[in-house]
Amino acid sequence: LTNFHLIPPRVTFGVLKEGCTYATIVIMK
């Protein structure tokens, strides 16, 4: 009776510059 979905199911940041901080939101429903 309990079930979770992650939206999006995977996170791909792509190419990042060294020394910088990046963030994104994942919804757990």
PDB file of all heavy atoms in Angstrom:
ATOM      1  N   LEU A   1       0.812  -1.206   0.000  1.00  0.00           N
ATOM      2  CA  LEU A   1       0.000   0.000   0.000  1.00  0.00           C
ATOM      3  C   LEU A   1       0.853   1.266   0.000  1.00  0.00           C
ATOM      4  O   LEU A   1       0.326   2.353  -0.085  1.00  0.00           O
ATOM      5  CB  LEU A   1      -0.939   0.006   1.212  1.00  0.00           C
ATOM      6  CG  LEU A   1      -1.940  -1.156   1.245  1.00  0.00           C
ATOM      7  CD1 LEU A   1      -2.758  -1.082   2.521  1.00  0.00           C
ATOM      8  CD2 LEU A   1      -2.845  -1.140   0.040  1.00  0.00           C
ATOM      9  N   THR A   2       2.157   1.128   0.140  1.00  0.00           N
ATOM     10  CA  THR A   2       3.047   2.284   0.057  1.00  0.00           C
ATOM     11  C   THR A   2       3.864   2.151  -1.216  1.00  0.00           C
ATOM     12  O   THR A   2       4.355   1.090  -1.550  1.00  0.00           O
ATOM     13  CB  THR A   2       3.988   2.362   1.272  1.00  0.00           C
ATOM     14  OG1 THR A   2       4.717   1.157   1.360  1.00  0.00           O
ATOM     15  CG2 THR A   2       3.209   2.600   2.542  1.00  0.00           C
ATOM     16  N   ASN A   3       3.994   3.237  -1.909  1.00  0.00           N
ATOM     17  CA  ASN A   3       4.660   3.209  -3.198  1.00  0.00           C
ATOM     18  C   ASN A   3       5.189   4.603  -3.504  1.00  0.00           C
ATOM     19  O   ASN A   3       4.448   5.563  -3.384  1.00  0.00           O
ATOM     20  CB  ASN A   3       3.646   2.782  -4.261  1.00  0.00           C
ATOM     21  CG  ASN A   3       4.284   2.092  -5.425  1.00  0.00           C
ATOM     22  OD1 ASN A   3       5.492   1.940  -5.470  1.00  0.00           O
ATOM     23  ND2 ASN A   3       3.475   1.693  -6.370  1.00  0.00           N
ATOM     24  N   PHE A   4       6.449   4.700  -3.871  1.00  0.00           N
ATOM     25  CA  PHE A   4       7.045   5.992  -4.200  1.00  0.00           C
ATOM     26  C   PHE A   4       7.506   6.009  -5.648  1.00  0.00           C
ATOM     27  O   PHE A   4       7.957   5.003  -6.177  1.00  0.00           O
ATOM     28  CB  PHE A   4       8.262   6.280  -3.311  1.00  0.00           C
ATOM     29  CG  PHE A   4       7.905   6.662  -1.909  1.00  0.00           C
ATOM     30  CD1 PHE A   4       8.017   5.760  -0.876  1.00  0.00           C
ATOM     31  CD2 PHE A   4       7.473   7.938  -1.624  1.00  0.00           C
ATOM     32  CE1 PHE A   4       7.712   6.120   0.417  1.00  0.00           C
ATOM     33  CE2 PHE A   4       7.156   8.315  -0.340  1.00  0.00           C
ATOM     34  CZ  PHE A   4       7.275   7.395   0.690  1.00  0.00           C
ATOM     35  N   HIS A   5       7.380   7.164  -6.275  1.00  0.00           N
ATOM     36  CA  HIS A   5       7.920   7.401  -7.611  1.00  0.00           C
ATOM     37  C   HIS A   5       8.843   8.605  -7.534  1.00  0.00           C
ATOM     38  O   HIS A   5       8.544   9.588  -6.853  1.00  0.00           O
ATOM     39  CB  HIS A   5       6.813   7.688  -8.620  1.00  0.00           C
ATOM     40  CG  HIS A   5       6.008   6.492  -9.001  1.00  0.00           C
ATOM     41  ND1 HIS A   5       6.535   5.413  -9.663  1.00  0.00           N
ATOM     42  CD2 HIS A   5       4.706   6.206  -8.800  1.00  0.00           C
ATOM     43  CE1 HIS A   5       5.591   4.514  -9.861  1.00  0.00           C
ATOM     44  NE2 HIS A   5       4.474   4.967  -9.331  1.00  0.00           N
ATOM     45  N   LEU A   6       9.958   8.519  -8.259  1.00  0.00           N
ATOM     46  CA  LEU A   6      10.892   9.635  -8.347  1.00  0.00           C
ATOM     47  C   LEU A   6      10.712  10.318  -9.693  1.00  0.00           C
ATOM     48  O   LEU A   6      10.683   9.667 -10.731  1.00  0.00           O
ATOM     49  CB  LEU A   6      12.338   9.129  -8.222  1.00  0.00           C
ATOM     50  CG  LEU A   6      12.700   8.512  -6.874  1.00  0.00           C
ATOM     51  CD1 LEU A   6      14.077   7.889  -6.943  1.00  0.00           C
ATOM     52  CD2 LEU A   6      12.650   9.553  -5.785  1.00  0.00           C
ATOM     53  N   ILE A   7      10.542  11.630  -9.674  1.00  0.00           N
ATOM     54  CA  ILE A   7      10.362  12.401 -10.896  1.00  0.00           C
ATOM     55  C   ILE A   7      11.441  13.481 -10.924  1.00  0.00           C
ATOM     56  O   ILE A   7      11.396  14.382 -10.097  1.00  0.00           O
ATOM     57  CB  ILE A   7       8.962  13.048 -10.948  1.00  0.00           C
ATOM     58  CG1 ILE A   7       7.905  11.961 -10.813  1.00  0.00           C
ATOM     59  CG2 ILE A   7       8.780  13.827 -12.228  1.00  0.00           C
ATOM     60  CD1 ILE A   7       6.521  12.503 -10.568  1.00  0.00           C
ATOM     61  N   PRO A   8      12.395  13.413 -11.809  1.00  0.00           N
ATOM     62  CA  PRO A   8      12.710  12.403 -12.815  1.00  0.00           C
ATOM     63  C   PRO A   8      13.350  11.182 -12.157  1.00  0.00           C
ATOM     64  O   PRO A   8      13.919  11.285 -11.069  1.00  0.00           O
ATOM     65  CB  PRO A   8      13.703  13.109 -13.735  1.00  0.00           C
ATOM     66  CG  PRO A   8      14.385  14.098 -12.856  1.00  0.00           C
ATOM     67  CD  PRO A   8      13.352  14.533 -11.852  1.00  0.00           C
ATOM     68  N   PRO A   9      13.309  10.015 -12.820  1.00  0.00           N
ATOM     69  CA  PRO A   9      13.860   8.795 -12.229  1.00  0.00           C
ATOM     70  C   PRO A   9      15.385   8.738 -12.221  1.00  0.00           C
ATOM     71  O   PRO A   9      15.964   7.876 -11.588  1.00  0.00           O
ATOM     72  CB  PRO A   9      13.287   7.678 -13.111  1.00  0.00           C
ATOM     73  CG  PRO A   9      12.940   8.329 -14.392  1.00  0.00           C
ATOM     74  CD  PRO A   9      12.609   9.754 -14.080  1.00  0.00           C
ATOM     75  N   ARG A  10      16.052   9.645 -12.918  1.00  0.00           N
ATOM     76  CA  ARG A  10      17.519   9.719 -12.918  1.00  0.00           C
ATOM     77  C   ARG A  10      17.919  11.177 -13.129  1.00  0.00           C
ATOM     78  O   ARG A  10      17.173  11.950 -13.716  1.00  0.00           O
ATOM     79  CB  ARG A  10      18.132   8.815 -13.981  1.00  0.00           C
ATOM     80  CG  ARG A  10      17.857   9.200 -15.396  1.00  0.00           C
ATOM     81  CD  ARG A  10      18.309   8.158 -16.396  1.00  0.00           C
ATOM     82  NE  ARG A  10      17.817   6.824 -16.124  1.00  0.00           N
ATOM     83  CZ  ARG A  10      16.615   6.365 -16.474  1.00  0.00           C
ATOM     84  NH1 ARG A  10      15.790   7.152 -17.118  1.00  0.00           N
ATOM     85  NH2 ARG A  10      16.239   5.150 -16.188  1.00  0.00           N
ATOM     86  N   VAL A  11      19.119  11.538 -12.651  1.00  0.00           N
ATOM     87  CA  VAL A  11      19.608  12.912 -12.779  1.00  0.00           C
ATOM     88  C   VAL A  11      20.892  12.889 -13.596  1.00  0.00           C
ATOM     89  O   VAL A  11      21.818  12.150 -13.288  1.00  0.00           O
ATOM     90  CB  VAL A  11      19.879  13.532 -11.388  1.00  0.00           C
ATOM     91  CG1 VAL A  11      20.493  14.911 -11.531  1.00  0.00           C
ATOM     92  CG2 VAL A  11      18.608  13.602 -10.573  1.00  0.00           C
ATOM     93  N   THR A  12      20.919  13.694 -14.657  1.00  0.00           N
ATOM     94  CA  THR A  12      22.122  13.865 -15.468  1.00  0.00           C
ATOM     95  C   THR A  12      22.448  15.353 -15.482  1.00  0.00           C
ATOM     96  O   THR A  12      21.697  16.152 -16.032  1.00  0.00           O
ATOM     97  CB  THR A  12      21.900  13.351 -16.905  1.00  0.00           C
ATOM     98  OG1 THR A  12      21.462  12.003 -16.841  1.00  0.00           O
ATOM     99  CG2 THR A  12      23.180  13.426 -17.703  1.00  0.00           C
ATOM    100  N   PHE A  13      23.556  15.710 -14.850  1.00  0.00           N
ATOM    101  CA  PHE A  13      23.943  17.121 -14.770  1.00  0.00           C
ATOM    102  C   PHE A  13      24.596  17.608 -16.060  1.00  0.00           C
ATOM    103  O   PHE A  13      24.594  18.789 -16.335  1.00  0.00           O
ATOM    104  CB  PHE A  13      24.897  17.343 -13.597  1.00  0.00           C
ATOM    105  CG  PHE A  13      24.206  17.467 -12.271  1.00  0.00           C
ATOM    106  CD1 PHE A  13      24.168  16.402 -11.396  1.00  0.00           C
ATOM    107  CD2 PHE A  13      23.582  18.641 -11.898  1.00  0.00           C
ATOM    108  CE1 PHE A  13      23.540  16.510 -10.170  1.00  0.00           C
ATOM    109  CE2 PHE A  13      22.952  18.766 -10.682  1.00  0.00           C
ATOM    110  CZ  PHE A  13      22.924  17.691  -9.815  1.00  0.00           C
ATOM    111  N   GLY A  14      25.195  16.724 -16.840  1.00  0.00           N
ATOM    112  CA  GLY A  14      25.893  17.138 -18.055  1.00  0.00           C
ATOM    113  C   GLY A  14      27.320  17.531 -17.735  1.00  0.00           C
ATOM    114  O   GLY A  14      27.939  17.019 -16.812  1.00  0.00           O
ATOM    115  N   VAL A  15      27.879  18.488 -18.475  1.00  0.00           N
ATOM    116  CA  VAL A  15      29.258  18.926 -18.281  1.00  0.00           C
ATOM    117  C   VAL A  15      29.280  20.084 -17.290  1.00  0.00           C
ATOM    118  O   VAL A  15      28.585  21.082 -17.472  1.00  0.00           O
ATOM    119  CB  VAL A  15      29.902  19.348 -19.629  1.00  0.00           C
ATOM    120  CG1 VAL A  15      31.327  19.828 -19.413  1.00  0.00           C
ATOM    121  CG2 VAL A  15      29.866  18.195 -20.614  1.00  0.00           C
ATOM    122  N   LEU A  16      30.079  19.926 -16.226  1.00  0.00           N
ATOM    123  CA  LEU A  16      30.159  20.918 -15.159  1.00  0.00           C
ATOM    124  C   LEU A  16      31.571  21.493 -15.078  1.00  0.00           C
ATOM    125  O   LEU A  16      32.546  20.807 -15.386  1.00  0.00           O
ATOM    126  CB  LEU A  16      29.803  20.274 -13.811  1.00  0.00           C
ATOM    127  CG  LEU A  16      28.497  19.493 -13.734  1.00  0.00           C
ATOM    128  CD1 LEU A  16      28.337  18.881 -12.355  1.00  0.00           C
ATOM    129  CD2 LEU A  16      27.316  20.364 -14.071  1.00  0.00           C
ATOM    130  N   LYS A  17      31.665  22.736 -14.636  1.00  0.00           N
ATOM    131  CA  LYS A  17      32.958  23.396 -14.459  1.00  0.00           C
ATOM    132  C   LYS A  17      33.499  23.061 -13.075  1.00  0.00           C
ATOM    133  O   LYS A  17      32.786  23.159 -12.074  1.00  0.00           O
ATOM    134  CB  LYS A  17      32.784  24.905 -14.610  1.00  0.00           C
ATOM    135  CG  LYS A  17      34.063  25.681 -14.475  1.00  0.00           C
ATOM    136  CD  LYS A  17      33.808  27.166 -14.630  1.00  0.00           C
ATOM    137  CE  LYS A  17      35.078  27.949 -14.392  1.00  0.00           C
ATOM    138  NZ  LYS A  17      34.826  29.384 -14.420  1.00  0.00           N
ATOM    139  N   GLU A  18      34.754  22.677 -13.027  1.00  0.00           N
ATOM    140  CA  GLU A  18      35.376  22.314 -11.750  1.00  0.00           C
ATOM    141  C   GLU A  18      35.375  23.504 -10.789  1.00  0.00           C
ATOM    142  O   GLU A  18      35.616  24.642 -11.179  1.00  0.00           O
ATOM    143  CB  GLU A  18      36.818  21.840 -11.972  1.00  0.00           C
ATOM    144  CG  GLU A  18      37.479  21.388 -10.694  1.00  0.00           C
ATOM    145  CD  GLU A  18      38.935  21.005 -10.885  1.00  0.00           C
ATOM    146  OE1 GLU A  18      39.504  21.281 -11.948  1.00  0.00           O
ATOM    147  OE2 GLU A  18      39.500  20.431  -9.950  1.00  0.00           O
ATOM    148  N   GLY A  19      35.057  23.218  -9.519  1.00  0.00           N
ATOM    149  CA  GLY A  19      35.055  24.245  -8.484  1.00  0.00           C
ATOM    150  C   GLY A  19      33.716  24.930  -8.289  1.00  0.00           C
ATOM    151  O   GLY A  19      33.581  25.768  -7.412  1.00  0.00           O
ATOM    152  N   CYS A  20      32.720  24.598  -9.075  1.00  0.00           N
ATOM    153  CA  CYS A  20      31.399  25.213  -8.957  1.00  0.00           C
ATOM    154  C   CYS A  20      30.411  24.227  -8.329  1.00  0.00           C
ATOM    155  O   CYS A  20      30.600  23.022  -8.378  1.00  0.00           O
ATOM    156  CB  CYS A  20      30.871  25.654 -10.317  1.00  0.00           C
ATOM    157  SG  CYS A  20      31.877  26.933 -11.084  1.00  0.00           S
ATOM    158  N   THR A  21      29.353  24.769  -7.740  1.00  0.00           N
ATOM    159  CA  THR A  21      28.304  23.955  -7.130  1.00  0.00           C
ATOM    160  C   THR A  21      27.048  24.060  -7.978  1.00  0.00           C
ATOM    161  O   THR A  21      26.645  25.150  -8.370  1.00  0.00           O
ATOM    162  CB  THR A  21      28.011  24.434  -5.693  1.00  0.00           C
ATOM    163  OG1 THR A  21      29.223  24.356  -4.940  1.00  0.00           O
ATOM    164  CG2 THR A  21      26.965  23.574  -5.035  1.00  0.00           C
ATOM    165  N   TYR A  22      26.429  22.919  -8.250  1.00  0.00           N
ATOM    166  CA  TYR A  22      25.207  22.855  -9.049  1.00  0.00           C
ATOM    167  C   TYR A  22      24.143  22.110  -8.255  1.00  0.00           C
ATOM    168  O   TYR A  22      24.469  21.262  -7.424  1.00  0.00           O
ATOM    169  CB  TYR A  22      25.470  22.127 -10.373  1.00  0.00           C
ATOM    170  CG  TYR A  22      26.518  22.793 -11.228  1.00  0.00           C
ATOM    171  CD1 TYR A  22      27.869  22.507 -11.064  1.00  0.00           C
ATOM    172  CD2 TYR A  22      26.157  23.709 -12.200  1.00  0.00           C
ATOM    173  CE1 TYR A  22      28.837  23.112 -11.842  1.00  0.00           C
ATOM    174  CE2 TYR A  22      27.118  24.322 -12.993  1.00  0.00           C
ATOM    175  CZ  TYR A  22      28.449  24.019 -12.806  1.00  0.00           C
ATOM    176  OH  TYR A  22      29.392  24.630 -13.586  1.00  0.00           O
ATOM    177  N   ALA A  23      22.872  22.408  -8.520  1.00  0.00           N
ATOM    178  CA  ALA A  23      21.784  21.748  -7.797  1.00  0.00           C
ATOM    179  C   ALA A  23      20.590  21.543  -8.723  1.00  0.00           C
ATOM    180  O   ALA A  23      20.399  22.288  -9.687  1.00  0.00           O
ATOM    181  CB  ALA A  23      21.365  22.580  -6.592  1.00  0.00           C
ATOM    182  N   THR A  24      19.816  20.526  -8.408  1.00  0.00           N
ATOM    183  CA  THR A  24      18.567  20.255  -9.113  1.00  0.00           C
ATOM    184  C   THR A  24      17.577  19.651  -8.123  1.00  0.00           C
ATOM    185  O   THR A  24      17.970  19.177  -7.054  1.00  0.00           O
ATOM    186  CB  THR A  24      18.779  19.326 -10.326  1.00  0.00           C
ATOM    187  OG1 THR A  24      17.571  19.265 -11.077  1.00  0.00           O
ATOM    188  CG2 THR A  24      19.170  17.925  -9.892  1.00  0.00           C
ATOM    189  N   ILE A  25      16.301  19.677  -8.489  1.00  0.00           N
ATOM    190  CA  ILE A  25      15.240  19.169  -7.620  1.00  0.00           C
ATOM    191  C   ILE A  25      14.703  17.859  -8.191  1.00  0.00           C
ATOM    192  O   ILE A  25      14.427  17.762  -9.386  1.00  0.00           O
ATOM    193  CB  ILE A  25      14.082  20.187  -7.501  1.00  0.00           C
ATOM    194  CG1 ILE A  25      14.570  21.501  -6.892  1.00  0.00           C
ATOM    195  CG2 ILE A  25      12.921  19.614  -6.707  1.00  0.00           C
ATOM    196  CD1 ILE A  25      14.933  21.437  -5.443  1.00  0.00           C
ATOM    197  N   VAL A  26      14.533  16.862  -7.315  1.00  0.00           N
ATOM    198  CA  VAL A  26      13.853  15.612  -7.657  1.00  0.00           C
ATOM    199  C   VAL A  26      12.640  15.513  -6.749  1.00  0.00           C
ATOM    200  O   VAL A  26      12.733  15.737  -5.541  1.00  0.00           O
ATOM    201  CB  VAL A  26      14.789  14.396  -7.449  1.00  0.00           C
ATOM    202  CG1 VAL A  26      14.037  13.095  -7.637  1.00  0.00           C
ATOM    203  CG2 VAL A  26      15.964  14.471  -8.393  1.00  0.00           C
ATOM    204  N   ILE A  27      11.495  15.198  -7.340  1.00  0.00           N
ATOM    205  CA  ILE A  27      10.256  15.075  -6.565  1.00  0.00           C
ATOM    206  C   ILE A  27      10.043  13.610  -6.234  1.00  0.00           C
ATOM    207  O   ILE A  27      10.081  12.745  -7.107  1.00  0.00           O
ATOM    208  CB  ILE A  27       9.057  15.633  -7.349  1.00  0.00           C
ATOM    209  CG1 ILE A  27       9.250  17.130  -7.556  1.00  0.00           C
ATOM    210  CG2 ILE A  27       7.753  15.335  -6.629  1.00  0.00           C
ATOM    211  CD1 ILE A  27       8.224  17.773  -8.455  1.00  0.00           C
ATOM    212  N   MET A  28       9.823  13.338  -4.952  1.00  0.00           N
ATOM    213  CA  MET A  28       9.513  11.987  -4.491  1.00  0.00           C
ATOM    214  C   MET A  28       8.038  11.976  -4.145  1.00  0.00           C
ATOM    215  O   MET A  28       7.613  12.619  -3.193  1.00  0.00           O
ATOM    216  CB  MET A  28      10.368  11.640  -3.285  1.00  0.00           C
ATOM    217  CG  MET A  28      10.231  10.229  -2.845  1.00  0.00           C
ATOM    218  SD  MET A  28      11.531   9.871  -1.667  1.00  0.00           S
ATOM    219  CE  MET A  28      10.769   8.555  -0.801  1.00  0.00           C
ATOM    220  N   LYS A  29       7.258  11.286  -4.964  1.00  0.00           N
ATOM    221  CA  LYS A  29       5.805  11.309  -4.835  1.00  0.00           C
ATOM    222  C   LYS A  29       5.306  10.008  -4.220  1.00  0.00           C
ATOM    223  O   LYS A  29       5.678   8.923  -4.651  1.00  0.00           O
ATOM    224  CB  LYS A  29       5.186  11.504  -6.216  1.00  0.00           C
ATOM    225  CG  LYS A  29       3.693  11.711  -6.203  1.00  0.00           C
ATOM    226  CD  LYS A  29       3.190  12.006  -7.593  1.00  0.00           C
ATOM    227  CE  LYS A  29       2.645  13.396  -7.593  1.00  0.00           C
ATOM    228  NZ  LYS A  29       2.089  13.795  -8.848  1.00  0.00           N
TER     229      LYS A  29
END
